[in-house]
PDB file of N, CA and C in Angstrom:
ATOM      1  N   GLN A   1      51.252  52.116   9.230  1.00  0.00           N
ATOM      2  CA  GLN A   1      51.297  52.159   7.724  1.00  0.00           C
ATOM      3  C   GLN A   1      51.383  50.818   6.944  1.00  0.00           C
ATOM      4  N   ALA A   2      51.901  49.806   7.823  1.00  0.00           N
ATOM      5  CA  ALA A   2      52.205  48.517   7.129  1.00  0.00           C
ATOM      6  C   ALA A   2      50.642  48.077   6.689  1.00  0.00           C
ATOM      7  N   ARG A   3      49.913  48.069   7.931  1.00  0.00           N
ATOM      8  CA  ARG A   3      48.410  47.346   7.716  1.00  0.00           C
ATOM      9  C   ARG A   3      47.803  48.226   6.517  1.00  0.00           C
ATOM     10  N   ALA A   4      47.978  49.419   6.417  1.00  0.00           N
ATOM     11  CA  ALA A   4      47.277  50.160   5.479  1.00  0.00           C
ATOM     12  C   ALA A   4      47.780  49.854   4.157  1.00  0.00           C
ATOM     13  N   ALA A   5      49.297  49.569   3.980  1.00  0.00           N
ATOM     14  CA  ALA A   5      49.836  49.327   2.591  1.00  0.00           C
ATOM     15  C   ALA A   5      49.294  47.887   2.259  1.00  0.00           C
ATOM     16  N   GLU A   6      49.327  46.857   3.295  1.00  0.00           N
ATOM     17  CA  GLU A   6      48.882  45.706   2.856  1.00  0.00           C
ATOM     18  C   GLU A   6      47.327  45.655   2.330  1.00  0.00           C
ATOM     19  N   GLN A   7      46.398  46.487   3.075  1.00  0.00           N
ATOM     20  CA  GLN A   7      45.061  46.517   2.470  1.00  0.00           C
ATOM     21  C   GLN A   7      45.055  47.196   1.157  1.00  0.00           C
ATOM     22  N   ALA A   8      45.797  48.221   0.850  1.00  0.00           N
ATOM     23  CA  ALA A   8      45.982  48.873  -0.441  1.00  0.00           C
ATOM     24  C   ALA A   8      46.533  47.920  -1.518  1.00  0.00           C
ATOM     25  N   VAL A   9      47.355  46.971  -0.969  1.00  0.00           N
ATOM     26  CA  VAL A   9      47.541  46.138  -2.338  1.00  0.00           C
ATOM     27  C   VAL A   9      46.535  44.916  -2.388  1.00  0.00           C
ATOM     28  N   ALA A  10      45.973  44.728  -1.366  1.00  0.00           N
ATOM     29  CA  ALA A  10      45.193  43.494  -1.524  1.00  0.00           C
ATOM     30  C   ALA A  10      44.030  44.005  -2.536  1.00  0.00           C
ATOM     31  N   LYS A  11      43.608  45.329  -2.253  1.00  0.00           N
ATOM     32  CA  LYS A  11      42.563  45.943  -3.347  1.00  0.00           C
ATOM     33  C   LYS A  11      43.192  45.987  -4.710  1.00  0.00           C
ATOM     34  N   TYR A  12      44.396  46.157  -4.780  1.00  0.00           N
ATOM     35  CA  TYR A  12      45.106  46.522  -6.068  1.00  0.00           C
ATOM     36  C   TYR A  12      45.025  44.997  -6.678  1.00  0.00           C
ATOM     37  N   LEU A  13      45.396  44.047  -5.949  1.00  0.00           N
ATOM     38  CA  LEU A  13      45.185  42.771  -6.617  1.00  0.00           C
ATOM     39  C   LEU A  13      44.009  42.473  -7.083  1.00  0.00           C
ATOM     40  N   GLU A  14      42.973  42.700  -6.134  1.00  0.00           N
ATOM     41  CA  GLU A  14      41.673  42.190  -6.311  1.00  0.00           C
ATOM     42  C   GLU A  14      41.094  42.846  -7.798  1.00  0.00           C
ATOM     43  N   ARG A  15      41.526  44.052  -7.899  1.00  0.00           N
ATOM     44  CA  ARG A  15      41.088  44.832  -9.255  1.00  0.00           C
ATOM     45  C   ARG A  15      41.581  44.202 -10.360  1.00  0.00           C
ATOM     46  N   ARG A  16      42.850  43.403 -10.266  1.00  0.00           N
ATOM     47  CA  ARG A  16      43.716  42.761 -11.218  1.00  0.00           C
ATOM     48  C   ARG A  16      43.183  41.418 -11.566  1.00  0.00           C
ATOM     49  N   GLY A  17      42.170  40.870 -10.757  1.00  0.00           N
ATOM     50  CA  GLY A  17      41.541  39.390 -10.864  1.00  0.00           C
ATOM     51  C   GLY A  17      42.338  38.404  -9.938  1.00  0.00           C
ATOM     52  N   TYR A  18      43.052  39.037  -8.841  1.00  0.00           N
ATOM     53  CA  TYR A  18      43.414  38.084  -7.907  1.00  0.00           C
ATOM     54  C   TYR A  18      42.645  37.946  -6.719  1.00  0.00           C
ATOM     55  N   GLU A  19      42.465  36.441  -6.172  1.00  0.00           N
ATOM     56  CA  GLU A  19      41.616  36.404  -5.057  1.00  0.00           C
ATOM     57  C   GLU A  19      42.580  36.282  -3.934  1.00  0.00           C
ATOM     58  N   ILE A  20      42.206  37.148  -2.795  1.00  0.00           N
ATOM     59  CA  ILE A  20      43.088  37.069  -1.726  1.00  0.00           C
ATOM     60  C   ILE A  20      42.581  35.864  -0.763  1.00  0.00           C
ATOM     61  N   LEU A  21      43.484  34.899  -0.482  1.00  0.00           N
ATOM     62  CA  LEU A  21      43.385  33.800   0.381  1.00  0.00           C
ATOM     63  C   LEU A  21      43.536  34.056   2.006  1.00  0.00           C
ATOM     64  N   ALA A  22      44.397  34.796   2.213  1.00  0.00           N
ATOM     65  CA  ALA A  22      45.060  34.985   3.440  1.00  0.00           C
ATOM     66  C   ALA A  22      45.824  36.178   3.607  1.00  0.00           C
ATOM     67  N   SER A  23      45.851  36.922   4.774  1.00  0.00           N
ATOM     68  CA  SER A  23      46.694  37.846   4.940  1.00  0.00           C
ATOM     69  C   SER A  23      47.244  37.775   6.434  1.00  0.00           C
ATOM     70  N   ASN A  24      48.551  38.254   6.323  1.00  0.00           N
ATOM     71  CA  ASN A  24      49.296  37.879   7.652  1.00  0.00           C
ATOM     72  C   ASN A  24      49.358  36.466   8.306  1.00  0.00           C
ATOM     73  N   PHE A  25      49.461  35.513   7.158  1.00  0.00           N
ATOM     74  CA  PHE A  25      49.773  34.181   7.741  1.00  0.00           C
ATOM     75  C   PHE A  25      50.906  34.126   8.333  1.00  0.00           C
ATOM     76  N   ARG A  26      50.886  33.606   9.592  1.00  0.00           N
ATOM     77  CA  ARG A  26      52.057  33.482  10.493  1.00  0.00           C
ATOM     78  C   ARG A  26      52.109  32.019  11.085  1.00  0.00           C
ATOM     79  N   ARG A  27      53.492  31.605  11.037  1.00  0.00           N
ATOM     80  CA  ARG A  27      54.000  30.471  11.649  1.00  0.00           C
ATOM     81  C   ARG A  27      55.255  30.507  12.303  1.00  0.00           C
ATOM     82  N   ARG A  28      55.559  29.856  13.245  1.00  0.00           N
ATOM     83  CA  ARG A  28      56.620  29.899  14.077  1.00  0.00           C
ATOM     84  C   ARG A  28      57.838  30.092  12.836  1.00  0.00           C
ATOM     85  N   GLY A  29      58.417  31.153  12.949  1.00  0.00           N
ATOM     86  CA  GLY A  29      59.693  31.429  12.025  1.00  0.00           C
ATOM     87  C   GLY A  29      59.496  32.203  10.770  1.00  0.00           C
ATOM     88  N   GLY A  30      58.098  32.644  10.686  1.00  0.00           N
ATOM     89  CA  GLY A  30      57.821  33.331   9.370  1.00  0.00           C
ATOM     90  C   GLY A  30      56.524  33.624   9.315  1.00  0.00           C
ATOM     91  N   GLU A  31      56.424  34.691   8.306  1.00  0.00           N
ATOM     92  CA  GLU A  31      54.996  35.387   8.078  1.00  0.00           C
ATOM     93  C   GLU A  31      54.860  35.744   6.525  1.00  0.00           C
ATOM     94  N   ILE A  32      53.765  35.609   6.120  1.00  0.00           N
ATOM     95  CA  ILE A  32      53.299  36.050   4.737  1.00  0.00           C
ATOM     96  C   ILE A  32      52.415  37.261   4.746  1.00  0.00           C
ATOM     97  N   ASP A  33      52.807  38.173   4.103  1.00  0.00           N
ATOM     98  CA  ASP A  33      51.666  39.311   4.270  1.00  0.00           C
ATOM     99  C   ASP A  33      50.395  39.183   3.425  1.00  0.00           C
ATOM    100  N   LEU A  34      50.543  38.462   2.332  1.00  0.00           N
ATOM    101  CA  LEU A  34      49.275  38.356   1.600  1.00  0.00           C
ATOM    102  C   LEU A  34      49.559  36.945   1.040  1.00  0.00           C
ATOM    103  N   VAL A  35      48.447  36.099   0.923  1.00  0.00           N
ATOM    104  CA  VAL A  35      48.617  35.079   0.051  1.00  0.00           C
ATOM    105  C   VAL A  35      47.310  35.201  -0.965  1.00  0.00           C
ATOM    106  N   ALA A  36      47.590  35.136  -2.456  1.00  0.00           N
ATOM    107  CA  ALA A  36      46.703  35.280  -3.400  1.00  0.00           C
ATOM    108  C   ALA A  36      46.672  34.243  -4.350  1.00  0.00           C
ATOM    109  N   ARG A  37      45.472  34.138  -4.923  1.00  0.00           N
ATOM    110  CA  ARG A  37      45.413  33.052  -6.047  1.00  0.00           C
ATOM    111  C   ARG A  37      45.183  33.812  -7.370  1.00  0.00           C
ATOM    112  N   GLN A  38      46.064  33.569  -8.479  1.00  0.00           N
ATOM    113  CA  GLN A  38      45.937  34.032  -9.678  1.00  0.00           C
ATOM    114  C   GLN A  38      45.690  32.827 -10.632  1.00  0.00           C
ATOM    115  N   GLY A  39      44.329  32.564 -11.114  1.00  0.00           N
ATOM    116  CA  GLY A  39      44.183  31.438 -11.744  1.00  0.00           C
ATOM    117  C   GLY A  39      44.530  30.375 -10.985  1.00  0.00           C
ATOM    118  N   GLU A  40      45.404  29.386 -11.308  1.00  0.00           N
ATOM    119  CA  GLU A  40      45.880  28.273 -10.662  1.00  0.00           C
ATOM    120  C   GLU A  40      47.104  28.595  -9.994  1.00  0.00           C
ATOM    121  N   ARG A  41      47.685  29.777  -9.916  1.00  0.00           N
ATOM    122  CA  ARG A  41      49.031  30.062  -9.226  1.00  0.00           C
ATOM    123  C   ARG A  41      48.695  30.711  -7.831  1.00  0.00           C
ATOM    124  N   LEU A  42      49.356  30.199  -6.802  1.00  0.00           N
ATOM    125  CA  LEU A  42      49.339  30.995  -5.714  1.00  0.00           C
ATOM    126  C   LEU A  42      50.494  31.997  -5.426  1.00  0.00           C
ATOM    127  N   CYS A  43      50.328  32.862  -5.055  1.00  0.00           N
ATOM    128  CA  CYS A  43      51.039  34.117  -5.065  1.00  0.00           C
ATOM    129  C   CYS A  43      51.261  34.248  -3.552  1.00  0.00           C
ATOM    130  N   PHE A  44      52.591  34.203  -3.135  1.00  0.00           N
ATOM    131  CA  PHE A  44      52.930  34.492  -1.662  1.00  0.00           C
ATOM    132  C   PHE A  44      53.465  36.048  -1.853  1.00  0.00           C
ATOM    133  N   VAL A  45      52.685  37.196  -1.265  1.00  0.00           N
ATOM    134  CA  VAL A  45      53.257  38.538  -1.450  1.00  0.00           C
ATOM    135  C   VAL A  45      53.898  39.043  -0.258  1.00  0.00           C
ATOM    136  N   GLU A  46      55.032  39.612  -0.513  1.00  0.00           N
ATOM    137  CA  GLU A  46      55.519  40.404   0.756  1.00  0.00           C
ATOM    138  C   GLU A  46      55.451  41.740   0.334  1.00  0.00           C
ATOM    139  N   VAL A  47      54.664  42.614   1.333  1.00  0.00           N
ATOM    140  CA  VAL A  47      54.307  44.089   1.095  1.00  0.00           C
ATOM    141  C   VAL A  47      55.424  44.987   1.794  1.00  0.00           C
ATOM    142  N   ARG A  48      56.179  45.719   1.027  1.00  0.00           N
ATOM    143  CA  ARG A  48      57.278  46.716   1.728  1.00  0.00           C
ATOM    144  C   ARG A  48      56.755  48.272   1.351  1.00  0.00           C
ATOM    145  N   ALA A  49      56.502  49.055   2.231  1.00  0.00           N
ATOM    146  CA  ALA A  49      56.165  50.338   2.067  1.00  0.00           C
ATOM    147  C   ALA A  49      57.246  51.412   2.612  1.00  0.00           C
ATOM    148  N   ARG A  50      57.308  52.456   1.862  1.00  0.00           N
ATOM    149  CA  ARG A  50      57.962  53.563   2.326  1.00  0.00           C
ATOM    150  C   ARG A  50      57.170  54.953   1.904  1.00  0.00           C
ATOM    151  N   SER A  51      57.565  55.968   2.558  1.00  0.00           N
ATOM    152  CA  SER A  51      56.766  57.252   2.389  1.00  0.00           C
ATOM    153  C   SER A  51      57.402  57.814   1.119  1.00  0.00           C
ATOM    154  N   THR A  52      58.774  57.656   0.830  1.00  0.00           N
ATOM    155  CA  THR A  52      59.387  58.195  -0.381  1.00  0.00           C
ATOM    156  C   THR A  52      60.380  57.049  -0.733  1.00  0.00           C
ATOM    157  N   ALA A  53      60.723  56.965  -2.062  1.00  0.00           N
ATOM    158  CA  ALA A  53      61.951  56.226  -2.598  1.00  0.00           C
ATOM    159  C   ALA A  53      63.314  57.023  -2.363  1.00  0.00           C
ATOM    160  N   ASP A  54      63.578  57.872  -1.590  1.00  0.00           N
ATOM    161  CA  ASP A  54      64.845  58.919  -1.518  1.00  0.00           C
ATOM    162  C   ASP A  54      65.941  57.936  -0.939  1.00  0.00           C
ATOM    163  N   PHE A  55      65.761  56.809  -0.256  1.00  0.00           N
ATOM    164  CA  PHE A  55      66.913  56.093   0.180  1.00  0.00           C
ATOM    165  C   PHE A  55      66.762  54.785  -0.392  1.00  0.00           C
ATOM    166  N   GLY A  56      66.178  54.557  -1.587  1.00  0.00           N
ATOM    167  CA  GLY A  56      66.163  53.115  -2.137  1.00  0.00           C
ATOM    168  C   GLY A  56      64.726  52.737  -2.194  1.00  0.00           C
ATOM    169  N   ARG A  57      64.623  51.697  -3.048  1.00  0.00           N
ATOM    170  CA  ARG A  57      63.319  50.918  -3.289  1.00  0.00           C
ATOM    171  C   ARG A  57      63.010  50.226  -2.038  1.00  0.00           C
ATOM    172  N   PRO A  58      61.771  50.006  -1.588  1.00  0.00           N
ATOM    173  CA  PRO A  58      61.322  49.251  -0.551  1.00  0.00           C
ATOM    174  C   PRO A  58      61.784  47.677  -0.570  1.00  0.00           C
ATOM    175  N   ALA A  59      61.893  46.990  -1.934  1.00  0.00           N
ATOM    176  CA  ALA A  59      62.157  45.747  -2.129  1.00  0.00           C
ATOM    177  C   ALA A  59      63.591  45.510  -1.891  1.00  0.00           C
ATOM    178  N   GLU A  60      64.407  46.418  -1.792  1.00  0.00           N
ATOM    179  CA  GLU A  60      65.777  46.350  -1.392  1.00  0.00           C
ATOM    180  C   GLU A  60      66.131  46.002  -0.250  1.00  0.00           C
ATOM    181  N   THR A  61      64.973  46.183   0.900  1.00  0.00           N
ATOM    182  CA  THR A  61      65.224  45.870   2.281  1.00  0.00           C
ATOM    183  C   THR A  61      64.951  44.226   2.632  1.00  0.00           C
ATOM    184  N   ILE A  62      64.562  43.585   1.527  1.00  0.00           N
ATOM    185  CA  ILE A  62      64.351  42.178   1.873  1.00  0.00           C
ATOM    186  C   ILE A  62      65.441  41.484   1.754  1.00  0.00           C
ATOM    187  N   GLY A  63      66.236  41.155   2.968  1.00  0.00           N
ATOM    188  CA  GLY A  63      67.649  40.257   2.898  1.00  0.00           C
ATOM    189  C   GLY A  63      67.029  38.870   2.777  1.00  0.00           C
ATOM    190  N   ARG A  64      68.153  38.034   2.748  1.00  0.00           N
ATOM    191  CA  ARG A  64      68.292  36.631   2.583  1.00  0.00           C
ATOM    192  C   ARG A  64      67.449  36.005   3.681  1.00  0.00           C
ATOM    193  N   ALA A  65      67.712  36.486   4.961  1.00  0.00           N
ATOM    194  CA  ALA A  65      66.982  35.870   6.227  1.00  0.00           C
ATOM    195  C   ALA A  65      65.727  36.001   6.011  1.00  0.00           C
ATOM    196  N   LYS A  66      65.301  37.369   5.598  1.00  0.00           N
ATOM    197  CA  LYS A  66      63.673  37.597   5.527  1.00  0.00           C
ATOM    198  C   LYS A  66      63.130  36.569   4.310  1.00  0.00           C
ATOM    199  N   ARG A  67      63.773  36.662   3.304  1.00  0.00           N
ATOM    200  CA  ARG A  67      63.304  35.534   2.365  1.00  0.00           C
ATOM    201  C   ARG A  67      63.346  34.161   2.662  1.00  0.00           C
ATOM    202  N   ARG A  68      63.976  33.635   3.572  1.00  0.00           N
ATOM    203  CA  ARG A  68      64.184  32.374   4.032  1.00  0.00           C
ATOM    204  C   ARG A  68      62.973  32.159   5.108  1.00  0.00           C
ATOM    205  N   ARG A  69      62.476  33.254   5.883  1.00  0.00           N
ATOM    206  CA  ARG A  69      61.376  33.136   6.783  1.00  0.00           C
ATOM    207  C   ARG A  69      60.029  33.204   5.903  1.00  0.00           C
ATOM    208  N   ILE A  70      60.003  33.835   4.798  1.00  0.00           N
ATOM    209  CA  ILE A  70      58.843  33.943   4.023  1.00  0.00           C
ATOM    210  C   ILE A  70      58.696  32.411   3.310  1.00  0.00           C
ATOM    211  N   VAL A  71      59.736  31.887   2.799  1.00  0.00           N
ATOM    212  CA  VAL A  71      59.854  30.590   2.261  1.00  0.00           C
ATOM    213  C   VAL A  71      59.185  29.593   3.111  1.00  0.00           C
ATOM    214  N   HIS A  72      59.740  29.617   4.428  1.00  0.00           N
ATOM    215  CA  HIS A  72      59.617  28.559   5.576  1.00  0.00           C
ATOM    216  C   HIS A  72      57.979  28.761   5.762  1.00  0.00           C
ATOM    217  N   ALA A  73      57.460  29.766   5.783  1.00  0.00           N
ATOM    218  CA  ALA A  73      55.999  29.902   6.138  1.00  0.00           C
ATOM    219  C   ALA A  73      55.253  29.469   4.804  1.00  0.00           C
ATOM    220  N   ALA A  74      55.631  29.795   3.685  1.00  0.00           N
ATOM    221  CA  ALA A  74      54.939  29.384   2.429  1.00  0.00           C
ATOM    222  C   ALA A  74      55.055  27.894   2.416  1.00  0.00           C
ATOM    223  N   ARG A  75      56.101  27.173   2.747  1.00  0.00           N
ATOM    224  CA  ARG A  75      56.339  25.723   2.839  1.00  0.00           C
ATOM    225  C   ARG A  75      54.985  25.084   3.645  1.00  0.00           C
ATOM    226  N   VAL A  76      54.943  25.763   4.745  1.00  0.00           N
ATOM    227  CA  VAL A  76      53.875  25.387   5.926  1.00  0.00           C
ATOM    228  C   VAL A  76      52.514  25.436   4.955  1.00  0.00           C
ATOM    229  N   TYR A  77      52.217  26.647   4.546  1.00  0.00           N
ATOM    230  CA  TYR A  77      51.030  26.918   4.045  1.00  0.00           C
ATOM    231  C   TYR A  77      50.767  25.962   2.863  1.00  0.00           C
ATOM    232  N   LEU A  78      51.840  25.491   2.090  1.00  0.00           N
ATOM    233  CA  LEU A  78      51.633  24.621   0.948  1.00  0.00           C
ATOM    234  C   LEU A  78      51.444  23.239   1.620  1.00  0.00           C
ATOM    235  N   SER A  79      52.006  22.777   2.538  1.00  0.00           N
ATOM    236  CA  SER A  79      51.980  21.640   3.265  1.00  0.00           C
ATOM    237  C   SER A  79      50.372  21.272   3.459  1.00  0.00           C
ATOM    238  N   ARG A  80      49.643  22.192   3.698  1.00  0.00           N
ATOM    239  CA  ARG A  80      48.163  22.203   3.967  1.00  0.00           C
ATOM    240  C   ARG A  80      47.268  22.266   2.783  1.00  0.00           C
ATOM    241  N   GLN A  81      47.656  22.157   1.553  1.00  0.00           N
ATOM    242  CA  GLN A  81      46.927  22.120   0.202  1.00  0.00           C
ATOM    243  C   GLN A  81      46.873  20.552  -0.093  1.00  0.00           C
ATOM    244  N   ARG A  82      45.462  20.406  -0.554  1.00  0.00           N
ATOM    245  CA  ARG A  82      45.255  19.060  -1.348  1.00  0.00           C
ATOM    246  C   ARG A  82      46.312  18.786  -2.431  1.00  0.00           C
ATOM    247  N   ALA A  83      46.358  19.660  -3.166  1.00  0.00           N
ATOM    248  CA  ALA A  83      47.278  19.394  -4.351  1.00  0.00           C
ATOM    249  C   ALA A  83      48.445  20.340  -4.198  1.00  0.00           C
ATOM    250  N   GLU A  84      49.525  20.074  -5.110  1.00  0.00           N
ATOM    251  CA  GLU A  84      50.759  20.791  -5.004  1.00  0.00           C
ATOM    252  C   GLU A  84      50.394  21.957  -6.068  1.00  0.00           C
ATOM    253  N   PRO A  85      50.049  23.166  -5.611  1.00  0.00           N
ATOM    254  CA  PRO A  85      49.810  24.168  -6.578  1.00  0.00           C
ATOM    255  C   PRO A  85      51.129  24.960  -7.148  1.00  0.00           C
ATOM    256  N   ILE A  86      50.885  25.443  -8.263  1.00  0.00           N
ATOM    257  CA  ILE A  86      52.130  26.094  -8.721  1.00  0.00           C
ATOM    258  C   ILE A  86      52.148  27.501  -7.910  1.00  0.00           C
ATOM    259  N   ALA A  87      53.340  27.674  -7.448  1.00  0.00           N
ATOM    260  CA  ALA A  87      53.459  28.880  -6.440  1.00  0.00           C
ATOM    261  C   ALA A  87      54.467  29.778  -6.942  1.00  0.00           C
ATOM    262  N   ARG A  88      54.544  31.281  -6.650  1.00  0.00           N
ATOM    263  CA  ARG A  88      55.585  32.122  -6.786  1.00  0.00           C
ATOM    264  C   ARG A  88      55.559  33.056  -5.667  1.00  0.00           C
ATOM    265  N   PHE A  89      56.741  33.572  -5.478  1.00  0.00           N
ATOM    266  CA  PHE A  89      57.102  34.642  -4.512  1.00  0.00           C
ATOM    267  C   PHE A  89      57.179  36.112  -5.254  1.00  0.00           C
ATOM    268  N   ASP A  90      55.930  37.056  -4.775  1.00  0.00           N
ATOM    269  CA  ASP A  90      56.078  38.335  -5.428  1.00  0.00           C
ATOM    270  C   ASP A  90      56.311  39.463  -4.331  1.00  0.00           C
ATOM    271  N   VAL A  91      56.600  40.586  -4.703  1.00  0.00           N
ATOM    272  CA  VAL A  91      56.849  41.664  -3.777  1.00  0.00           C
ATOM    273  C   VAL A  91      56.109  42.879  -4.326  1.00  0.00           C
ATOM    274  N   ALA A  92      55.324  43.636  -3.220  1.00  0.00           N
ATOM    275  CA  ALA A  92      54.585  44.727  -3.543  1.00  0.00           C
ATOM    276  C   ALA A  92      55.235  45.856  -3.033  1.00  0.00           C
ATOM    277  N   GLU A  93      55.551  46.781  -3.733  1.00  0.00           N
ATOM    278  CA  GLU A  93      56.178  48.169  -3.324  1.00  0.00           C
ATOM    279  C   GLU A  93      55.404  49.110  -3.175  1.00  0.00           C
ATOM    280  N   VAL A  94      55.130  49.779  -1.930  1.00  0.00           N
ATOM    281  CA  VAL A  94      54.277  50.895  -1.896  1.00  0.00           C
ATOM    282  C   VAL A  94      55.173  51.923  -1.468  1.00  0.00           C
ATOM    283  N   VAL A  95      55.181  53.030  -2.619  1.00  0.00           N
ATOM    284  CA  VAL A  95      55.815  54.261  -2.181  1.00  0.00           C
ATOM    285  C   VAL A  95      54.904  55.203  -2.326  1.00  0.00           C
ATOM    286  N   GLY A  96      54.464  56.017  -1.025  1.00  0.00           N
ATOM    287  CA  GLY A  96      53.545  56.912  -1.139  1.00  0.00           C
ATOM    288  C   GLY A  96      52.271  56.357  -1.535  1.00  0.00           C
ATOM    289  N   ASP A  97      51.578  56.790  -2.393  1.00  0.00           N
ATOM    290  CA  ASP A  97      50.419  56.422  -2.898  1.00  0.00           C
ATOM    291  C   ASP A  97      50.457  55.255  -4.195  1.00  0.00           C
ATOM    292  N   SER A  98      51.765  55.118  -4.316  1.00  0.00           N
ATOM    293  CA  SER A  98      52.075  54.256  -5.734  1.00  0.00           C
ATOM    294  C   SER A  98      52.335  52.910  -5.278  1.00  0.00           C
ATOM    295  N   ILE A  99      51.893  51.904  -6.102  1.00  0.00           N
ATOM    296  CA  ILE A  99      52.060  50.372  -6.011  1.00  0.00           C
ATOM    297  C   ILE A  99      52.897  50.048  -7.050  1.00  0.00           C
ATOM    298  N   GLU A 100      54.043  49.388  -6.869  1.00  0.00           N
ATOM    299  CA  GLU A 100      54.995  48.572  -7.957  1.00  0.00           C
ATOM    300  C   GLU A 100      54.637  47.036  -7.696  1.00  0.00           C
ATOM    301  N   TYR A 101      54.213  46.237  -8.511  1.00  0.00           N
ATOM    302  CA  TYR A 101      54.119  44.803  -8.233  1.00  0.00           C
ATOM    303  C   TYR A 101      55.203  44.210  -8.940  1.00  0.00           C
ATOM    304  N   ILE A 102      55.891  43.425  -8.317  1.00  0.00           N
ATOM    305  CA  ILE A 102      57.022  42.424  -8.848  1.00  0.00           C
ATOM    306  C   ILE A 102      56.722  40.940  -8.760  1.00  0.00           C
ATOM    307  N   GLU A 103      56.435  40.596  -9.984  1.00  0.00           N
ATOM    308  CA  GLU A 103      56.221  38.952  -9.861  1.00  0.00           C
ATOM    309  C   GLU A 103      57.481  38.311  -9.714  1.00  0.00           C
ATOM    310  N   ASN A 104      57.440  36.936  -9.344  1.00  0.00           N
ATOM    311  CA  ASN A 104      58.801  36.184  -9.113  1.00  0.00           C
ATOM    312  C   ASN A 104      59.943  36.985  -8.707  1.00  0.00           C
ATOM    313  N   ALA A 105      59.765  37.604  -7.636  1.00  0.00           N
ATOM    314  CA  ALA A 105      60.830  38.356  -7.071  1.00  0.00           C
ATOM    315  C   ALA A 105      61.913  37.407  -6.458  1.00  0.00           C
ATOM    316  N   PHE A 106      61.668  36.440  -6.011  1.00  0.00           N
ATOM    317  CA  PHE A 106      62.592  35.389  -5.667  1.00  0.00           C
ATOM    318  C   PHE A 106      61.791  33.937  -5.690  1.00  0.00           C
ATOM    319  N   ASP A 107      62.603  33.125  -5.399  1.00  0.00           N
ATOM    320  CA  ASP A 107      61.943  31.651  -5.382  1.00  0.00           C
ATOM    321  C   ASP A 107      62.493  30.795  -4.101  1.00  0.00           C
ATOM    322  N   LEU A 108      61.930  29.605  -4.274  1.00  0.00           N
ATOM    323  CA  LEU A 108      62.103  28.768  -3.012  1.00  0.00           C
ATOM    324  C   LEU A 108      63.592  28.371  -2.659  1.00  0.00           C
ATOM    325  N   ASP A 109      64.380  28.512  -3.702  1.00  0.00           N
ATOM    326  CA  ASP A 109      65.732  28.300  -3.442  1.00  0.00           C
ATOM    327  C   ASP A 109      66.569  29.496  -2.740  1.00  0.00           C
ATOM    328  N   ASP A 110      65.979  30.594  -2.662  1.00  0.00           N
ATOM    329  CA  ASP A 110      66.621  31.698  -2.015  1.00  0.00           C
ATOM    330  C   ASP A 110      66.830  31.666  -0.650  1.00  0.00           C
TER     331      ASP A 110
END
């Protein structure tokens, strides 16, 4: 289910003009589901999926420790860029067949 949700979100973003740069970027201590570019901005996207929202929104399952691991992986990714791009952390909630995209869901200081 997770892989299918990530693929659905990648297609969703591409239809909206984003360029997918990486998927499942993993480094010791962290992983980023999708790295996308929107114009000059890099977007680190955490994809969360549930079959229903009966027990809360998928984004609510992203705790502080998970945010720290995402930020760590993002810093590694950013350290490999020639220039320091503008970056943000987004969350894509997939509930059934519906996608809710949350820009700036958290930041480097979380």
